[in-house]
C-alpha cells in the first residue's frame, strides 16, 4: 500500500473530468463518487505510469499496451489490509487486463494505491456477493452484486512488469 498526497492539481483535474462526464450510468452512489474516482485514476497513474485514457473499459494504458481499470472507494480512515476491493458484477465485461485499486480520503487530502491484480486472477480469487447480503466479517450490507478481494491479497504491480 502506497500513500499519496492529493494535490490541488489532481482535485482540479478531477472536477474538470467529472463535469465533462456527468453521472455514470449504473453508479452505485449515483455519480457522487466521480471526483474521487478521477483522483483515484491519477493516483494509480502516478504509481503505474502510462497514459490516462478514461474509457468505459479501462482508465490507463501502460507503455506495453496493457489496459488498467482503476476502482476507487472513498474512505474516512486509513485502509486496513483486511478491507475489500470490489468490482461490481455489471463491470465484469470491461475490456481491461488489470484492475488497480485505490482508496481516497473523503476530504481529498490523501489517497492510497492499494495494489493491482490481473483480471483473470481477480475473478479466480474473488468472493461473489449479492445485493443485500451482509458480510459477517464487517457487518457491511452489500449495495450491488459484486466480487471482492482483500487488500492483503492484491499484488503490488508496477508499470514495468
N, C-alpha and C. Protein backbone atom coordinates (compact mmCIF):
# COMPACT_ATOMS: atom_id res chain seq x y z
N UNK A 1 0.86 -1.17 0.00
CA UNK A 1 0.00 0.00 0.00
C UNK A 1 0.91 1.23 0.00
N UNK A 2 0.59 2.16 -0.88
CA UNK A 2 1.40 3.37 -1.00
C UNK A 2 0.53 4.60 -0.80
N UNK A 3 0.88 5.42 0.19
CA UNK A 3 0.13 6.64 0.47
C UNK A 3 0.62 7.76 -0.45
N UNK A 4 -0.34 8.49 -1.02
CA UNK A 4 -0.01 9.59 -1.93
C UNK A 4 -0.82 10.82 -1.54
N UNK A 5 -0.11 11.94 -1.33
CA UNK A 5 -0.78 13.20 -1.01
C UNK A 5 -1.51 13.67 -2.27
N UNK A 6 -2.75 14.06 -2.09
CA UNK A 6 -3.55 14.54 -3.22
C UNK A 6 -3.29 16.03 -3.42
N UNK A 7 -2.85 16.39 -4.61
CA UNK A 7 -2.51 17.78 -4.90
C UNK A 7 -3.74 18.56 -5.36
N UNK A 8 -3.63 19.88 -5.31
CA UNK A 8 -4.72 20.73 -5.80
C UNK A 8 -4.92 20.52 -7.30
N UNK A 9 -3.84 20.22 -8.03
CA UNK A 9 -3.96 19.95 -9.47
C UNK A 9 -4.79 18.68 -9.71
N UNK A 10 -4.57 17.64 -8.88
CA UNK A 10 -5.35 16.40 -9.02
C UNK A 10 -6.84 16.68 -8.80
N UNK A 11 -7.13 17.47 -7.78
CA UNK A 11 -8.53 17.80 -7.48
C UNK A 11 -9.14 18.60 -8.63
N UNK A 12 -8.40 19.58 -9.13
CA UNK A 12 -8.89 20.40 -10.24
C UNK A 12 -9.13 19.54 -11.48
N UNK A 13 -8.17 18.67 -11.83
CA UNK A 13 -8.34 17.77 -12.97
C UNK A 13 -9.57 16.88 -12.79
N UNK A 14 -9.78 16.39 -11.57
CA UNK A 14 -10.92 15.52 -11.29
C UNK A 14 -12.24 16.27 -11.49
N UNK A 15 -12.30 17.54 -11.05
CA UNK A 15 -13.52 18.34 -11.23
C UNK A 15 -13.81 18.55 -12.71
N UNK A 16 -12.78 18.83 -13.48
CA UNK A 16 -12.95 19.05 -14.93
C UNK A 16 -13.47 17.78 -15.59
N UNK A 17 -12.82 16.65 -15.31
CA UNK A 17 -13.24 15.37 -15.92
C UNK A 17 -14.65 14.99 -15.49
N UNK A 18 -14.98 15.22 -14.22
CA UNK A 18 -16.30 14.87 -13.70
C UNK A 18 -17.39 15.68 -14.39
N UNK A 19 -17.13 16.95 -14.58
CA UNK A 19 -18.10 17.83 -15.24
C UNK A 19 -18.30 17.39 -16.69
N UNK A 20 -17.20 17.03 -17.37
CA UNK A 20 -17.28 16.56 -18.76
C UNK A 20 -18.10 15.28 -18.87
N UNK A 21 -17.93 14.38 -17.90
CA UNK A 21 -18.57 13.07 -17.98
C UNK A 21 -20.02 13.06 -17.51
N UNK A 22 -20.33 13.79 -16.44
CA UNK A 22 -21.66 13.71 -15.85
C UNK A 22 -21.79 12.43 -15.04
N UNK A 23 -22.98 12.16 -14.47
CA UNK A 23 -23.15 10.96 -13.64
C UNK A 23 -23.00 9.68 -14.45
N UNK A 24 -22.35 8.69 -13.86
CA UNK A 24 -22.18 7.39 -14.51
C UNK A 24 -23.47 6.60 -14.49
N UNK A 25 -23.77 5.95 -15.61
CA UNK A 25 -24.90 5.03 -15.64
C UNK A 25 -24.54 3.83 -14.77
N UNK A 26 -25.49 3.32 -14.02
CA UNK A 26 -25.30 2.20 -13.09
C UNK A 26 -24.44 2.54 -11.88
N UNK A 27 -24.18 3.82 -11.63
CA UNK A 27 -23.36 4.19 -10.49
C UNK A 27 -24.03 3.78 -9.19
N UNK A 28 -23.29 3.09 -8.33
CA UNK A 28 -23.83 2.65 -7.05
C UNK A 28 -24.17 3.85 -6.18
N UNK A 29 -23.37 4.93 -6.27
CA UNK A 29 -23.62 6.12 -5.46
C UNK A 29 -24.14 7.28 -6.32
N UNK A 30 -24.76 6.95 -7.45
CA UNK A 30 -25.44 7.91 -8.32
C UNK A 30 -24.54 9.06 -8.79
N UNK A 31 -23.30 8.75 -9.12
CA UNK A 31 -22.38 9.75 -9.64
C UNK A 31 -21.66 10.55 -8.58
N UNK A 32 -22.00 10.33 -7.32
CA UNK A 32 -21.41 11.09 -6.23
C UNK A 32 -19.92 10.79 -6.06
N UNK A 33 -19.45 9.69 -6.58
CA UNK A 33 -18.05 9.33 -6.43
C UNK A 33 -17.17 9.70 -7.61
N UNK A 34 -17.68 10.46 -8.57
CA UNK A 34 -16.90 10.79 -9.77
C UNK A 34 -15.59 11.49 -9.44
N UNK A 35 -15.62 12.49 -8.57
CA UNK A 35 -14.40 13.24 -8.24
C UNK A 35 -13.38 12.29 -7.62
N UNK A 36 -13.81 11.49 -6.64
CA UNK A 36 -12.91 10.54 -6.01
C UNK A 36 -12.38 9.55 -7.05
N UNK A 37 -13.24 9.11 -7.95
CA UNK A 37 -12.82 8.17 -8.99
C UNK A 37 -11.73 8.74 -9.88
N UNK A 38 -11.88 10.00 -10.28
CA UNK A 38 -10.86 10.62 -11.13
C UNK A 38 -9.57 10.89 -10.35
N UNK A 39 -9.69 11.19 -9.07
CA UNK A 39 -8.49 11.33 -8.25
C UNK A 39 -7.80 9.96 -8.14
N UNK A 40 -8.59 8.92 -7.94
CA UNK A 40 -8.04 7.57 -7.86
C UNK A 40 -7.29 7.18 -9.12
N UNK A 41 -7.83 7.56 -10.27
CA UNK A 41 -7.15 7.26 -11.54
C UNK A 41 -5.79 7.95 -11.60
N UNK A 42 -5.73 9.18 -11.11
CA UNK A 42 -4.47 9.91 -11.13
C UNK A 42 -3.45 9.30 -10.15
N UNK A 43 -3.94 8.81 -9.01
CA UNK A 43 -3.06 8.14 -8.05
C UNK A 43 -2.48 6.87 -8.68
N UNK A 44 -3.33 6.08 -9.34
CA UNK A 44 -2.85 4.86 -10.00
C UNK A 44 -1.88 5.21 -11.12
N UNK A 45 -2.18 6.24 -11.87
CA UNK A 45 -1.30 6.68 -12.96
C UNK A 45 0.06 7.08 -12.41
N UNK A 46 0.08 7.77 -11.27
CA UNK A 46 1.35 8.18 -10.65
C UNK A 46 2.17 6.95 -10.26
N UNK A 47 1.51 5.91 -9.79
CA UNK A 47 2.22 4.69 -9.38
C UNK A 47 2.63 3.83 -10.58
N UNK A 48 1.71 3.64 -11.53
CA UNK A 48 1.93 2.71 -12.62
C UNK A 48 2.63 3.31 -13.83
N UNK A 49 2.44 4.61 -14.05
CA UNK A 49 2.91 5.22 -15.29
C UNK A 49 1.90 4.94 -16.39
N UNK A 50 2.25 5.27 -17.61
CA UNK A 50 1.35 5.03 -18.73
C UNK A 50 0.62 6.29 -19.16
N UNK A 51 -0.49 6.08 -19.84
CA UNK A 51 -1.29 7.17 -20.39
C UNK A 51 -2.70 7.10 -19.84
N UNK A 52 -3.21 8.24 -19.39
CA UNK A 52 -4.57 8.34 -18.84
C UNK A 52 -5.54 8.42 -20.00
N UNK A 53 -6.40 7.40 -20.16
CA UNK A 53 -7.33 7.33 -21.28
C UNK A 53 -8.78 7.51 -20.84
N UNK A 54 -9.16 6.91 -19.73
CA UNK A 54 -10.51 7.04 -19.19
C UNK A 54 -11.61 6.67 -20.19
N UNK A 55 -11.66 5.40 -20.56
CA UNK A 55 -12.76 4.88 -21.37
C UNK A 55 -13.67 4.07 -20.45
N UNK A 56 -14.74 3.53 -20.97
CA UNK A 56 -15.62 2.69 -20.15
C UNK A 56 -14.88 1.43 -19.69
N UNK A 57 -14.07 0.86 -20.55
CA UNK A 57 -13.43 -0.42 -20.25
C UNK A 57 -12.12 -0.31 -19.48
N UNK A 58 -11.44 0.82 -19.58
CA UNK A 58 -10.16 0.98 -18.90
C UNK A 58 -9.85 2.47 -18.73
N UNK A 59 -8.92 2.75 -17.81
CA UNK A 59 -8.58 4.13 -17.49
C UNK A 59 -7.15 4.49 -17.87
N UNK A 60 -6.28 3.49 -17.89
CA UNK A 60 -4.86 3.73 -18.15
C UNK A 60 -4.36 2.68 -19.14
N UNK A 61 -3.50 3.12 -20.07
CA UNK A 61 -2.78 2.19 -20.94
C UNK A 61 -1.32 2.26 -20.54
N UNK A 62 -0.77 1.11 -20.14
CA UNK A 62 0.63 1.04 -19.77
C UNK A 62 1.50 1.10 -21.02
N UNK A 63 2.78 1.45 -20.88
CA UNK A 63 3.65 1.57 -22.06
C UNK A 63 3.68 0.32 -22.94
N UNK A 64 3.47 -0.87 -22.34
CA UNK A 64 3.49 -2.10 -23.14
C UNK A 64 2.13 -2.47 -23.72
N UNK A 65 1.12 -1.59 -23.54
CA UNK A 65 -0.19 -1.80 -24.13
C UNK A 65 -1.23 -2.43 -23.22
N UNK A 66 -0.83 -2.91 -22.05
CA UNK A 66 -1.82 -3.47 -21.12
C UNK A 66 -2.76 -2.37 -20.65
N UNK A 67 -4.03 -2.76 -20.48
CA UNK A 67 -5.07 -1.80 -20.11
C UNK A 67 -5.47 -2.01 -18.65
N UNK A 68 -5.52 -0.91 -17.90
CA UNK A 68 -5.81 -0.95 -16.47
C UNK A 68 -7.10 -0.21 -16.19
N UNK A 69 -8.00 -0.87 -15.47
CA UNK A 69 -9.21 -0.20 -14.98
C UNK A 69 -9.00 0.06 -13.50
N UNK A 70 -9.21 1.31 -13.08
CA UNK A 70 -8.98 1.72 -11.70
C UNK A 70 -10.31 1.74 -10.95
N UNK A 71 -10.33 1.07 -9.81
CA UNK A 71 -11.51 1.02 -8.94
C UNK A 71 -11.18 1.79 -7.66
N UNK A 72 -11.96 2.83 -7.39
CA UNK A 72 -11.70 3.72 -6.26
C UNK A 72 -12.86 3.70 -5.29
N UNK A 73 -12.53 3.68 -4.00
CA UNK A 73 -13.53 3.84 -2.94
C UNK A 73 -13.12 5.03 -2.08
N UNK A 74 -14.11 5.78 -1.62
CA UNK A 74 -13.85 6.86 -0.66
C UNK A 74 -13.80 6.26 0.74
N UNK A 75 -13.04 6.90 1.61
CA UNK A 75 -12.88 6.38 2.96
C UNK A 75 -12.71 7.52 3.96
N UNK A 76 -12.94 7.22 5.22
CA UNK A 76 -12.70 8.19 6.28
C UNK A 76 -11.56 7.73 7.19
N UNK A 77 -10.95 6.59 6.86
CA UNK A 77 -9.85 6.04 7.66
C UNK A 77 -8.79 5.45 6.74
N UNK A 78 -7.58 5.32 7.28
CA UNK A 78 -6.52 4.66 6.52
C UNK A 78 -6.95 3.22 6.26
N UNK A 79 -6.80 2.73 5.03
CA UNK A 79 -7.24 1.36 4.71
C UNK A 79 -6.52 0.30 5.54
N UNK A 80 -7.26 -0.71 5.90
CA UNK A 80 -6.76 -1.87 6.61
C UNK A 80 -6.56 -2.98 5.58
N UNK A 81 -5.47 -3.74 5.67
CA UNK A 81 -5.25 -4.82 4.70
C UNK A 81 -6.40 -5.83 4.62
N UNK A 82 -7.25 -5.89 5.64
CA UNK A 82 -8.38 -6.82 5.64
C UNK A 82 -9.59 -6.28 4.87
N UNK A 83 -9.57 -4.98 4.49
CA UNK A 83 -10.69 -4.38 3.77
C UNK A 83 -10.80 -4.97 2.37
N UNK A 84 -11.99 -4.88 1.81
CA UNK A 84 -12.27 -5.44 0.48
C UNK A 84 -12.05 -4.44 -0.64
N UNK A 85 -11.67 -4.96 -1.79
CA UNK A 85 -11.61 -4.23 -3.05
C UNK A 85 -12.65 -4.88 -3.96
N UNK A 86 -13.54 -4.07 -4.52
CA UNK A 86 -14.71 -4.59 -5.21
C UNK A 86 -14.74 -4.28 -6.69
N UNK A 87 -15.33 -5.20 -7.43
CA UNK A 87 -15.70 -4.99 -8.83
C UNK A 87 -17.18 -5.34 -8.92
N UNK A 88 -17.99 -4.36 -9.31
CA UNK A 88 -19.43 -4.60 -9.45
C UNK A 88 -19.68 -5.61 -10.56
N UNK A 89 -20.69 -6.45 -10.38
CA UNK A 89 -20.94 -7.52 -11.36
C UNK A 89 -21.27 -6.98 -12.74
N UNK A 90 -21.83 -5.76 -12.83
CA UNK A 90 -22.14 -5.21 -14.15
C UNK A 90 -20.89 -4.70 -14.86
N UNK A 91 -19.75 -4.68 -14.17
CA UNK A 91 -18.49 -4.24 -14.79
C UNK A 91 -17.58 -5.37 -15.22
N UNK A 92 -18.02 -6.60 -15.13
CA UNK A 92 -17.13 -7.73 -15.40
C UNK A 92 -16.78 -7.89 -16.88
N UNK A 93 -17.49 -7.23 -17.75
CA UNK A 93 -17.23 -7.34 -19.20
C UNK A 93 -16.28 -6.26 -19.71
N UNK A 94 -15.78 -5.42 -18.81
CA UNK A 94 -14.86 -4.38 -19.24
C UNK A 94 -13.63 -5.02 -19.89
N UNK A 95 -13.15 -4.42 -20.96
CA UNK A 95 -12.03 -4.96 -21.72
C UNK A 95 -10.72 -4.41 -21.18
N UNK A 96 -10.36 -4.86 -19.98
CA UNK A 96 -9.10 -4.45 -19.37
C UNK A 96 -8.29 -5.70 -19.05
N UNK A 97 -7.02 -5.51 -18.80
CA UNK A 97 -6.13 -6.61 -18.43
C UNK A 97 -5.92 -6.68 -16.92
N UNK A 98 -5.96 -5.52 -16.29
CA UNK A 98 -5.60 -5.38 -14.88
C UNK A 98 -6.62 -4.49 -14.19
N UNK A 99 -6.94 -4.84 -12.94
CA UNK A 99 -7.67 -3.93 -12.05
C UNK A 99 -6.67 -3.34 -11.07
N UNK A 100 -6.73 -2.03 -10.88
CA UNK A 100 -5.92 -1.35 -9.86
C UNK A 100 -6.90 -0.76 -8.84
N UNK A 101 -6.56 -0.84 -7.57
CA UNK A 101 -7.47 -0.40 -6.51
C UNK A 101 -6.86 0.74 -5.70
N UNK A 102 -7.72 1.72 -5.44
CA UNK A 102 -7.30 2.95 -4.75
C UNK A 102 -8.36 3.31 -3.71
N UNK A 103 -7.93 3.87 -2.61
CA UNK A 103 -8.83 4.49 -1.62
C UNK A 103 -8.46 5.96 -1.55
N UNK A 104 -9.48 6.82 -1.44
CA UNK A 104 -9.29 8.26 -1.36
C UNK A 104 -10.01 8.76 -0.12
N UNK A 105 -9.29 9.54 0.71
CA UNK A 105 -9.90 10.12 1.89
C UNK A 105 -11.02 11.06 1.46
N UNK A 106 -12.13 11.02 2.19
CA UNK A 106 -13.32 11.80 1.82
C UNK A 106 -13.04 13.30 1.70
N UNK A 107 -12.05 13.81 2.44
CA UNK A 107 -11.72 15.24 2.35
C UNK A 107 -10.70 15.52 1.24
N UNK A 108 -10.34 14.50 0.47
CA UNK A 108 -9.40 14.59 -0.65
C UNK A 108 -8.01 15.07 -0.22
N UNK A 109 -7.61 14.76 0.98
CA UNK A 109 -6.28 15.15 1.45
C UNK A 109 -5.21 14.14 1.05
N UNK A 110 -5.59 12.87 1.05
CA UNK A 110 -4.63 11.81 0.79
C UNK A 110 -5.35 10.61 0.17
N UNK A 111 -4.58 9.81 -0.55
CA UNK A 111 -5.13 8.58 -1.11
C UNK A 111 -4.11 7.47 -0.98
N UNK A 112 -4.55 6.26 -1.26
CA UNK A 112 -3.67 5.09 -1.17
C UNK A 112 -3.81 4.24 -2.42
N UNK A 113 -2.67 3.97 -3.05
CA UNK A 113 -2.64 2.97 -4.10
C UNK A 113 -2.52 1.65 -3.35
N UNK A 114 -3.55 0.79 -3.46
CA UNK A 114 -3.63 -0.42 -2.65
C UNK A 114 -2.96 -1.62 -3.30
N UNK A 115 -2.98 -1.66 -4.60
CA UNK A 115 -2.42 -2.79 -5.32
C UNK A 115 -3.23 -3.07 -6.56
N UNK A 116 -2.83 -4.11 -7.26
CA UNK A 116 -3.45 -4.45 -8.54
C UNK A 116 -3.55 -5.96 -8.67
N UNK A 117 -4.33 -6.37 -9.65
CA UNK A 117 -4.42 -7.80 -9.93
C UNK A 117 -4.88 -7.97 -11.38
N UNK A 118 -4.27 -8.93 -12.05
CA UNK A 118 -4.74 -9.24 -13.39
C UNK A 118 -6.20 -9.68 -13.30
N UNK A 119 -7.00 -9.26 -14.27
CA UNK A 119 -8.45 -9.51 -14.27
C UNK A 119 -8.78 -10.99 -14.08
N UNK A 120 -8.12 -11.84 -14.84
CA UNK A 120 -8.40 -13.28 -14.76
C UNK A 120 -8.13 -13.83 -13.35
N UNK A 121 -7.02 -13.42 -12.77
CA UNK A 121 -6.67 -13.86 -11.42
C UNK A 121 -7.67 -13.31 -10.39
N UNK A 122 -8.10 -12.06 -10.60
CA UNK A 122 -9.05 -11.44 -9.68
C UNK A 122 -10.31 -12.29 -9.54
N UNK A 123 -10.89 -12.68 -10.66
CA UNK A 123 -12.15 -13.43 -10.59
C UNK A 123 -11.97 -14.86 -10.08
N UNK A 124 -10.76 -15.40 -10.21
CA UNK A 124 -10.49 -16.72 -9.63
C UNK A 124 -10.44 -16.64 -8.11
N UNK A 125 -9.94 -15.53 -7.58
CA UNK A 125 -9.75 -15.37 -6.13
C UNK A 125 -10.92 -14.69 -5.43
N UNK A 126 -11.76 -14.00 -6.18
CA UNK A 126 -12.81 -13.16 -5.59
C UNK A 126 -13.95 -13.96 -4.97
N UNK A 127 -14.58 -13.34 -3.99
CA UNK A 127 -15.81 -13.84 -3.39
C UNK A 127 -16.97 -13.07 -3.99
N UNK A 128 -18.01 -13.77 -4.45
CA UNK A 128 -19.18 -13.10 -5.02
C UNK A 128 -20.19 -12.79 -3.92
N UNK A 129 -20.73 -11.57 -3.95
CA UNK A 129 -21.76 -11.14 -3.00
C UNK A 129 -22.96 -10.60 -3.78
N UNK A 130 -24.15 -10.93 -3.31
CA UNK A 130 -25.38 -10.41 -3.92
C UNK A 130 -25.82 -9.16 -3.16
N UNK A 131 -26.46 -8.23 -3.86
CA UNK A 131 -27.01 -7.03 -3.24
C UNK A 131 -27.89 -7.45 -2.06
N UNK A 132 -27.69 -6.80 -0.92
CA UNK A 132 -28.47 -7.10 0.27
C UNK A 132 -27.80 -8.10 1.21
N UNK A 133 -26.82 -8.88 0.70
CA UNK A 133 -26.06 -9.77 1.59
C UNK A 133 -25.35 -8.94 2.64
N UNK A 134 -25.14 -9.54 3.80
CA UNK A 134 -24.37 -8.89 4.86
C UNK A 134 -23.08 -9.69 5.05
N UNK A 135 -21.96 -9.00 4.86
CA UNK A 135 -20.66 -9.63 5.05
C UNK A 135 -20.42 -9.78 6.55
N UNK A 136 -20.36 -11.01 7.06
CA UNK A 136 -20.21 -11.20 8.50
C UNK A 136 -18.87 -10.74 9.06
N UNK A 137 -17.87 -10.54 8.20
CA UNK A 137 -16.56 -10.10 8.68
C UNK A 137 -16.56 -8.63 9.10
N UNK A 138 -17.52 -7.85 8.56
CA UNK A 138 -17.53 -6.41 8.88
C UNK A 138 -18.94 -5.83 9.03
N UNK A 139 -19.96 -6.66 8.94
CA UNK A 139 -21.37 -6.25 9.06
C UNK A 139 -21.82 -5.28 7.96
N UNK A 140 -21.10 -5.23 6.85
CA UNK A 140 -21.46 -4.33 5.76
C UNK A 140 -22.54 -4.97 4.90
N UNK A 141 -23.59 -4.19 4.59
CA UNK A 141 -24.64 -4.65 3.69
C UNK A 141 -24.23 -4.30 2.26
N UNK A 142 -24.15 -5.30 1.42
CA UNK A 142 -23.69 -5.14 0.04
C UNK A 142 -24.71 -4.31 -0.74
N UNK A 143 -24.23 -3.26 -1.44
CA UNK A 143 -25.12 -2.32 -2.16
C UNK A 143 -25.45 -2.76 -3.58
N UNK A 144 -24.61 -3.62 -4.16
CA UNK A 144 -24.84 -4.10 -5.53
C UNK A 144 -24.09 -5.43 -5.67
N UNK A 145 -24.59 -6.31 -6.53
CA UNK A 145 -23.88 -7.56 -6.77
C UNK A 145 -22.42 -7.23 -7.12
N UNK A 146 -21.49 -7.93 -6.45
CA UNK A 146 -20.09 -7.61 -6.69
C UNK A 146 -19.18 -8.77 -6.33
N UNK A 147 -17.94 -8.63 -6.73
CA UNK A 147 -16.87 -9.57 -6.43
C UNK A 147 -15.85 -8.83 -5.57
N UNK A 148 -15.41 -9.46 -4.47
CA UNK A 148 -14.47 -8.82 -3.55
C UNK A 148 -13.21 -9.64 -3.34
N UNK A 149 -12.11 -8.92 -3.25
CA UNK A 149 -10.81 -9.49 -2.87
C UNK A 149 -10.24 -8.57 -1.80
N UNK A 150 -9.61 -9.13 -0.80
CA UNK A 150 -9.00 -8.35 0.29
C UNK A 150 -7.76 -7.60 -0.22
N UNK A 151 -7.53 -6.42 0.35
CA UNK A 151 -6.35 -5.63 0.00
C UNK A 151 -5.09 -6.48 0.16
N UNK A 152 -5.01 -7.22 1.25
CA UNK A 152 -3.80 -8.01 1.52
C UNK A 152 -3.53 -9.10 0.47
N UNK A 153 -4.52 -9.42 -0.35
CA UNK A 153 -4.36 -10.44 -1.39
C UNK A 153 -3.99 -9.86 -2.75
N UNK A 154 -3.94 -8.52 -2.84
CA UNK A 154 -3.57 -7.89 -4.10
C UNK A 154 -2.07 -8.00 -4.33
N UNK A 155 -1.67 -7.79 -5.57
CA UNK A 155 -0.26 -7.69 -5.94
C UNK A 155 0.10 -6.23 -5.99
N UNK A 156 1.35 -5.94 -5.88
CA UNK A 156 1.78 -4.54 -5.98
C UNK A 156 2.47 -4.34 -7.32
N UNK A 157 1.68 -4.45 -8.39
CA UNK A 157 2.20 -4.35 -9.74
C UNK A 157 2.70 -2.95 -10.02
N UNK A 158 3.67 -2.86 -10.89
CA UNK A 158 4.12 -1.57 -11.40
C UNK A 158 4.04 -1.63 -12.91
N UNK A 159 4.16 -0.49 -13.55
CA UNK A 159 4.07 -0.43 -14.99
C UNK A 159 5.20 -1.15 -15.71
N UNK A 160 6.26 -1.47 -14.98
CA UNK A 160 7.43 -2.07 -15.62
C UNK A 160 7.33 -3.58 -15.83
N UNK A 161 6.44 -4.27 -15.13
CA UNK A 161 6.44 -5.73 -15.22
C UNK A 161 5.88 -6.21 -16.55
